[in-house]
Amino acid sequence: MAKSKAGQRRPSDPQVAKLIEDQKRSGMSIAAFAKEHGVPVWKLYQAGRRRRRRRTEFVEVAVGARAPAPSPLEVVLPGDLRVRIPPDFDETTLRRLLGALTSC
């Protein structure tokens, strides 16, 4: 580690990255960890902030065919009478229609 003008040890970037990982695993606060390891606390905070900004996550995206449109319901009544009902049907109207058809 290099020394700062104030005589404090200055860790290199790879060393800081390792220190940050070690601090996370330790369960200690950043301040306590920095003090124990003789590292300026601001250095760990600054490095952590830089790493969070640089972190980029990629998500794989597959492009495929569109999902099929919802298909209508089909009710088959006695006498092979078929009623096709669209997905956005009105329940009250459907009940009235089925009541009228079954009473025939």
C-alpha atoms as a PDB file:
ATOM      1  CA  MET A   1       0.000   0.000   0.000  1.00  0.00           C
ATOM      2  CA  ALA A   2       1.231   3.483  -0.793  1.00  0.00           C
ATOM      3  CA  LYS A   3       1.301   6.228   1.821  1.00  0.00           C
ATOM      4  CA  SER A   4      -0.729   9.426   1.587  1.00  0.00           C
ATOM      5  CA  LYS A   5       0.718  12.869   2.349  1.00  0.00           C
ATOM      6  CA  ALA A   6      -0.660  12.492   5.884  1.00  0.00           C
ATOM      7  CA  GLY A   7       1.236   9.229   6.267  1.00  0.00           C
ATOM      8  CA  GLN A   8      -1.849   6.995   6.086  1.00  0.00           C
ATOM      9  CA  ARG A   9      -1.741   3.793   4.059  1.00  0.00           C
ATOM     10  CA  ARG A  10      -3.498   4.138   0.722  1.00  0.00           C
ATOM     11  CA  PRO A  11      -4.722   0.838  -0.719  1.00  0.00           C
ATOM     12  CA  SER A  12      -4.703   0.292  -4.467  1.00  0.00           C
ATOM     13  CA  ASP A  13      -7.983  -0.234  -6.333  1.00  0.00           C
ATOM     14  CA  PRO A  14      -7.742  -4.058  -6.327  1.00  0.00           C
ATOM     15  CA  GLN A  15      -6.908  -3.964  -2.620  1.00  0.00           C
ATOM     16  CA  VAL A  16      -9.890  -1.686  -1.949  1.00  0.00           C
ATOM     17  CA  ALA A  17     -12.172  -4.035  -3.888  1.00  0.00           C
ATOM     18  CA  LYS A  18     -10.976  -6.922  -1.734  1.00  0.00           C
ATOM     19  CA  LEU A  19     -11.398  -4.838   1.427  1.00  0.00           C
ATOM     20  CA  ILE A  20     -14.979  -4.003   0.453  1.00  0.00           C
ATOM     21  CA  GLU A  21     -15.785  -7.676  -0.091  1.00  0.00           C
ATOM     22  CA  ASP A  22     -14.085  -8.605   3.196  1.00  0.00           C
ATOM     23  CA  GLN A  23     -16.037  -5.900   5.022  1.00  0.00           C
ATOM     24  CA  LYS A  24     -19.352  -7.196   3.677  1.00  0.00           C
ATOM     25  CA  ARG A  25     -18.518 -10.723   4.807  1.00  0.00           C
ATOM     26  CA  SER A  26     -17.333  -9.545   8.219  1.00  0.00           C
ATOM     27  CA  GLY A  27     -20.682  -8.109   9.272  1.00  0.00           C
ATOM     28  CA  MET A  28     -18.828  -5.114  10.739  1.00  0.00           C
ATOM     29  CA  SER A  29     -19.758  -1.521   9.997  1.00  0.00           C
ATOM     30  CA  ILE A  30     -17.643   0.171   7.351  1.00  0.00           C
ATOM     31  CA  ALA A  31     -16.214   2.559   9.963  1.00  0.00           C
ATOM     32  CA  ALA A  32     -15.214  -0.223  12.376  1.00  0.00           C
ATOM     33  CA  PHE A  33     -13.731  -2.333   9.578  1.00  0.00           C
ATOM     34  CA  ALA A  34     -11.738   0.609   8.185  1.00  0.00           C
ATOM     35  CA  LYS A  35     -10.384   1.464  11.629  1.00  0.00           C
ATOM     36  CA  GLU A  36      -9.391  -2.150  12.288  1.00  0.00           C
ATOM     37  CA  HIS A  37      -7.553  -2.373   8.962  1.00  0.00           C
ATOM     38  CA  GLY A  38      -5.952   1.088   9.116  1.00  0.00           C
ATOM     39  CA  VAL A  39      -7.738   2.333   6.021  1.00  0.00           C
ATOM     40  CA  PRO A  40      -9.397   5.766   5.790  1.00  0.00           C
ATOM     41  CA  VAL A  41     -13.145   5.208   6.101  1.00  0.00           C
ATOM     42  CA  TRP A  42     -13.844   7.679   3.298  1.00  0.00           C
ATOM     43  CA  LYS A  43     -11.794   5.501   0.946  1.00  0.00           C
ATOM     44  CA  LEU A  44     -14.102   2.518   1.485  1.00  0.00           C
ATOM     45  CA  TYR A  45     -17.261   4.633   1.138  1.00  0.00           C
ATOM     46  CA  GLN A  46     -15.961   6.289  -2.027  1.00  0.00           C
ATOM     47  CA  ALA A  47     -14.842   3.017  -3.578  1.00  0.00           C
ATOM     48  CA  GLY A  48     -18.144   1.341  -2.725  1.00  0.00           C
ATOM     49  CA  ARG A  49     -20.076   4.172  -4.352  1.00  0.00           C
ATOM     50  CA  ARG A  50     -17.917   3.958  -7.491  1.00  0.00           C
ATOM     51  CA  ARG A  51     -18.438   0.191  -7.704  1.00  0.00           C
ATOM     52  CA  ARG A  52     -22.219   0.537  -7.358  1.00  0.00           C
ATOM     53  CA  ARG A  53     -22.312   3.095 -10.171  1.00  0.00           C
ATOM     54  CA  ARG A  54     -20.174   0.891 -12.442  1.00  0.00           C
ATOM     55  CA  ARG A  55     -22.131  -2.265 -11.766  1.00  0.00           C
ATOM     56  CA  THR A  56     -24.155  -3.192 -14.807  1.00  0.00           C
ATOM     57  CA  GLU A  57     -26.391  -6.174 -14.986  1.00  0.00           C
ATOM     58  CA  PHE A  58     -27.472  -7.703 -18.248  1.00  0.00           C
ATOM     59  CA  VAL A  59     -30.627  -9.671 -18.742  1.00  0.00           C
ATOM     60  CA  GLU A  60     -31.042 -12.010 -21.669  1.00  0.00           C
ATOM     61  CA  VAL A  61     -34.061 -11.158 -23.778  1.00  0.00           C
ATOM     62  CA  ALA A  62     -35.509 -13.487 -26.354  1.00  0.00           C
ATOM     63  CA  VAL A  63     -37.753 -12.100 -29.040  1.00  0.00           C
ATOM     64  CA  GLY A  64     -40.443 -14.428 -30.227  1.00  0.00           C
ATOM     65  CA  ALA A  65     -43.866 -14.430 -31.777  1.00  0.00           C
ATOM     66  CA  ARG A  66     -46.595 -12.441 -30.094  1.00  0.00           C
ATOM     67  CA  ALA A  67     -48.746 -14.227 -27.608  1.00  0.00           C
ATOM     68  CA  PRO A  68     -51.955 -15.392 -29.213  1.00  0.00           C
ATOM     69  CA  ALA A  69     -55.031 -13.291 -28.636  1.00  0.00           C
ATOM     70  CA  PRO A  70     -57.352 -14.714 -25.995  1.00  0.00           C
ATOM     71  CA  SER A  71     -59.743 -17.102 -27.656  1.00  0.00           C
ATOM     72  CA  PRO A  72     -63.470 -16.864 -27.135  1.00  0.00           C
ATOM     73  CA  LEU A  73     -65.319 -19.282 -24.882  1.00  0.00           C
ATOM     74  CA  GLU A  74     -67.699 -21.649 -26.552  1.00  0.00           C
ATOM     75  CA  VAL A  75     -70.807 -23.046 -24.876  1.00  0.00           C
ATOM     76  CA  VAL A  76     -72.452 -26.064 -26.503  1.00  0.00           C
ATOM     77  CA  LEU A  77     -76.140 -26.381 -25.668  1.00  0.00           C
ATOM     78  CA  PRO A  78     -78.504 -29.279 -26.335  1.00  0.00           C
ATOM     79  CA  GLY A  79     -79.352 -29.663 -30.016  1.00  0.00           C
ATOM     80  CA  ASP A  80     -75.737 -28.819 -30.922  1.00  0.00           C
ATOM     81  CA  LEU A  81     -76.412 -25.110 -30.449  1.00  0.00           C
ATOM     82  CA  ARG A  82     -73.110 -23.286 -29.968  1.00  0.00           C
ATOM     83  CA  VAL A  83     -72.597 -19.869 -28.427  1.00  0.00           C
ATOM     84  CA  ARG A  84     -69.191 -18.201 -28.823  1.00  0.00           C
ATOM     85  CA  ILE A  85     -68.437 -15.702 -26.085  1.00  0.00           C
ATOM     86  CA  PRO A  86     -65.698 -13.086 -26.486  1.00  0.00           C
ATOM     87  CA  PRO A  87     -63.125 -12.730 -23.677  1.00  0.00           C
ATOM     88  CA  ASP A  88     -64.545  -9.356 -22.598  1.00  0.00           C
ATOM     89  CA  PHE A  89     -68.152 -10.577 -22.268  1.00  0.00           C
ATOM     90  CA  ASP A  90     -70.746  -9.000 -19.981  1.00  0.00           C
ATOM     91  CA  GLU A  91     -71.776 -11.636 -17.427  1.00  0.00           C
ATOM     92  CA  THR A  92     -75.316 -10.315 -16.935  1.00  0.00           C
ATOM     93  CA  THR A  93     -76.052 -10.312 -20.655  1.00  0.00           C
ATOM     94  CA  LEU A  94     -74.611 -13.822 -21.031  1.00  0.00           C
ATOM     95  CA  ARG A  95     -76.839 -15.141 -18.212  1.00  0.00           C
ATOM     96  CA  ARG A  96     -79.916 -13.610 -19.857  1.00  0.00           C
ATOM     97  CA  LEU A  97     -78.952 -15.081 -23.245  1.00  0.00           C
ATOM     98  CA  LEU A  98     -78.345 -18.586 -21.833  1.00  0.00           C
ATOM     99  CA  GLY A  99     -81.582 -18.427 -19.861  1.00  0.00           C
ATOM    100  CA  ALA A 100     -83.511 -17.501 -22.982  1.00  0.00           C
ATOM    101  CA  LEU A 101     -81.842 -20.215 -25.080  1.00  0.00           C
ATOM    102  CA  THR A 102     -82.373 -23.013 -22.561  1.00  0.00           C
ATOM    103  CA  SER A 103     -86.030 -22.131 -22.139  1.00  0.00           C
ATOM    104  CA  CYS A 104     -86.709 -22.716 -25.845  1.00  0.00           C
END
